[in-house]
């Protein structure tokens, strides 16, 4: 996805502009040789976090190696927050999960004793058989 952003006083200003919209709005600007009032923009998807916390729900726009990018303000969870998350996940699993599955601390998820087959078919976990059963 091609994006551009306005620059004011050397800093990103407002929101990114799609490449086609930029060309329509500024047909006289060569996108391969942008003037100082504009910069290339790179969208960075919101990270999937396990034991980190977003300090803000939205990214900021910052210069990174000559390109303006989304920058997510992330901090590691405290020991207490990590323990609480694990305990909540385990409590929910006790009610809704399977007894045979094991807690994976690195992902804060429960994993089956055997991986689900990856052959394009649909399966469900049968706890009595301790096996994946094709739907």
Protein backbone atom coordinates (compact mmCIF):
# COMPACT_ATOMS: atom_id res chain seq x y z
CA UNK A 1 0.00 0.00 0.00
CA UNK A 2 1.51 3.28 -1.11
CA UNK A 3 1.06 6.12 1.40
CA UNK A 4 2.35 9.66 1.85
CA UNK A 5 2.10 12.14 4.71
CA UNK A 6 2.37 15.90 5.05
CA UNK A 7 5.36 17.30 6.92
CA UNK A 8 5.22 20.56 8.89
CA UNK A 9 8.23 21.94 10.73
CA UNK A 10 10.04 18.67 10.04
CA UNK A 11 7.39 16.54 11.74
CA UNK A 12 4.52 14.38 10.41
CA UNK A 13 1.26 16.30 10.21
CA UNK A 14 -2.28 14.91 10.14
CA UNK A 15 -2.89 11.47 8.64
CA UNK A 16 -1.39 9.46 5.77
CA UNK A 17 -2.76 9.88 2.25
CA UNK A 18 -3.29 6.98 -0.16
CA UNK A 19 -1.01 7.12 -3.20
CA UNK A 20 -3.84 7.50 -5.75
CA UNK A 21 -5.47 10.27 -3.72
CA UNK A 22 -2.10 12.00 -3.33
CA UNK A 23 -1.52 11.95 -7.11
CA UNK A 24 -4.98 13.39 -7.75
CA UNK A 25 -4.56 16.12 -5.15
CA UNK A 26 -0.97 16.96 -6.12
CA UNK A 27 -0.52 16.03 -9.80
CA UNK A 28 2.51 18.33 -10.12
CA UNK A 29 4.54 16.46 -7.44
CA UNK A 30 6.97 13.73 -8.47
CA UNK A 31 6.38 10.96 -5.90
CA UNK A 32 9.89 9.62 -6.55
CA UNK A 33 11.40 12.97 -5.58
CA UNK A 34 9.18 14.38 -2.85
CA UNK A 35 9.55 17.99 -1.69
CA UNK A 36 10.25 18.56 2.02
CA UNK A 37 6.52 19.14 2.70
CA UNK A 38 5.79 15.44 2.08
CA UNK A 39 7.27 12.06 2.98
CA UNK A 40 6.70 8.41 2.31
CA UNK A 41 4.67 6.68 4.98
CA UNK A 42 4.77 3.05 6.07
CA UNK A 43 1.83 1.50 7.87
CA UNK A 44 2.87 -0.77 10.75
CA UNK A 45 0.13 -3.10 11.93
CA UNK A 46 -0.84 -3.16 15.58
CA UNK A 47 1.35 -5.81 17.20
CA UNK A 48 -0.12 -8.96 18.69
CA UNK A 49 0.97 -8.86 22.30
CA UNK A 50 1.35 -11.66 24.80
CA UNK A 51 3.14 -10.14 27.77
CA UNK A 52 3.34 -6.51 26.66
CA UNK A 53 0.92 -3.61 27.04
CA UNK A 54 0.04 -0.83 24.62
CA UNK A 55 0.32 2.49 26.42
CA UNK A 56 -2.02 4.03 23.85
CA UNK A 57 -4.65 2.46 21.58
CA UNK A 58 -3.28 4.44 18.63
CA UNK A 59 0.20 4.70 17.14
CA UNK A 60 2.12 7.93 16.73
CA UNK A 61 3.71 8.92 13.44
CA UNK A 62 7.49 9.15 13.73
CA UNK A 63 10.54 9.32 11.50
CA UNK A 64 12.32 5.95 11.30
CA UNK A 65 15.30 5.68 8.93
CA UNK A 66 14.05 8.44 6.64
CA UNK A 67 10.45 7.19 6.42
CA UNK A 68 7.51 8.13 8.58
CA UNK A 69 5.96 5.07 10.21
CA UNK A 70 3.35 4.06 12.75
CA UNK A 71 5.13 3.63 16.08
CA UNK A 72 3.37 1.72 18.83
CA UNK A 73 4.15 2.67 22.43
CA UNK A 74 4.64 -0.70 24.12
CA UNK A 75 5.88 -1.65 27.56
CA UNK A 76 6.47 -5.07 29.10
CA UNK A 77 3.95 -6.28 31.63
CA UNK A 78 4.98 -6.19 35.24
CA UNK A 79 5.40 -9.56 36.97
CA UNK A 80 2.06 -8.94 38.68
CA UNK A 81 0.27 -8.15 35.38
CA UNK A 82 1.76 -11.23 33.72
CA UNK A 83 0.67 -13.46 36.62
CA UNK A 84 -2.84 -11.96 36.58
CA UNK A 85 -3.18 -12.55 32.83
CA UNK A 86 -2.05 -16.16 33.20
CA UNK A 87 -4.45 -16.73 36.12
CA UNK A 88 -7.37 -15.25 34.17
CA UNK A 89 -6.58 -17.40 31.14
CA UNK A 90 -6.38 -20.51 33.32
CA UNK A 91 -9.64 -19.67 35.14
CA UNK A 92 -11.54 -19.28 31.87
CA UNK A 93 -10.00 -22.51 30.56
CA UNK A 94 -11.18 -24.39 33.65
CA UNK A 95 -14.75 -23.51 32.70
CA UNK A 96 -14.61 -23.70 28.90
CA UNK A 97 -11.52 -25.71 28.00
CA UNK A 98 -10.32 -29.30 27.85
CA UNK A 99 -8.60 -31.00 30.79
CA UNK A 100 -6.05 -32.71 28.53
CA UNK A 101 -4.66 -29.51 27.05
CA UNK A 102 -1.51 -27.93 28.52
CA UNK A 103 -0.84 -24.33 29.38
CA UNK A 104 1.90 -22.76 27.22
CA UNK A 105 3.41 -19.95 29.27
CA UNK A 106 5.22 -18.42 26.28
CA UNK A 107 1.94 -17.73 24.45
CA UNK A 108 -0.44 -17.65 27.45
CA UNK A 109 -2.65 -20.17 25.67
CA UNK A 110 -3.61 -23.81 26.07
CA UNK A 111 -2.31 -26.29 23.52
CA UNK A 112 -3.70 -29.72 22.63
CA UNK A 113 -1.72 -32.87 23.41
CA UNK A 114 -1.38 -33.40 19.65
CA UNK A 115 -1.46 -30.66 17.01
CA UNK A 116 -4.55 -30.37 14.85
CA UNK A 117 -3.97 -31.89 11.38
CA UNK A 118 -3.08 -29.28 8.79
CA UNK A 119 -4.52 -30.82 5.65
CA UNK A 120 -7.25 -28.35 4.70
CA UNK A 121 -10.01 -30.33 6.41
CA UNK A 122 -12.01 -29.18 9.45
CA UNK A 123 -11.61 -30.85 12.83
CA UNK A 124 -12.89 -30.61 16.38
CA UNK A 125 -11.24 -31.87 19.55
CA UNK A 126 -12.85 -34.93 21.10
CA UNK A 127 -11.84 -34.97 24.76
CA UNK A 128 -13.09 -38.52 25.38
CA UNK A 129 -10.93 -39.91 22.56
CA UNK A 130 -8.14 -37.39 23.16
CA UNK A 131 -8.02 -36.90 19.41
CA UNK A 132 -8.94 -34.59 16.56
CA UNK A 133 -12.06 -35.74 14.72
CA UNK A 134 -12.85 -34.64 11.18
CA UNK A 135 -16.07 -32.60 10.87
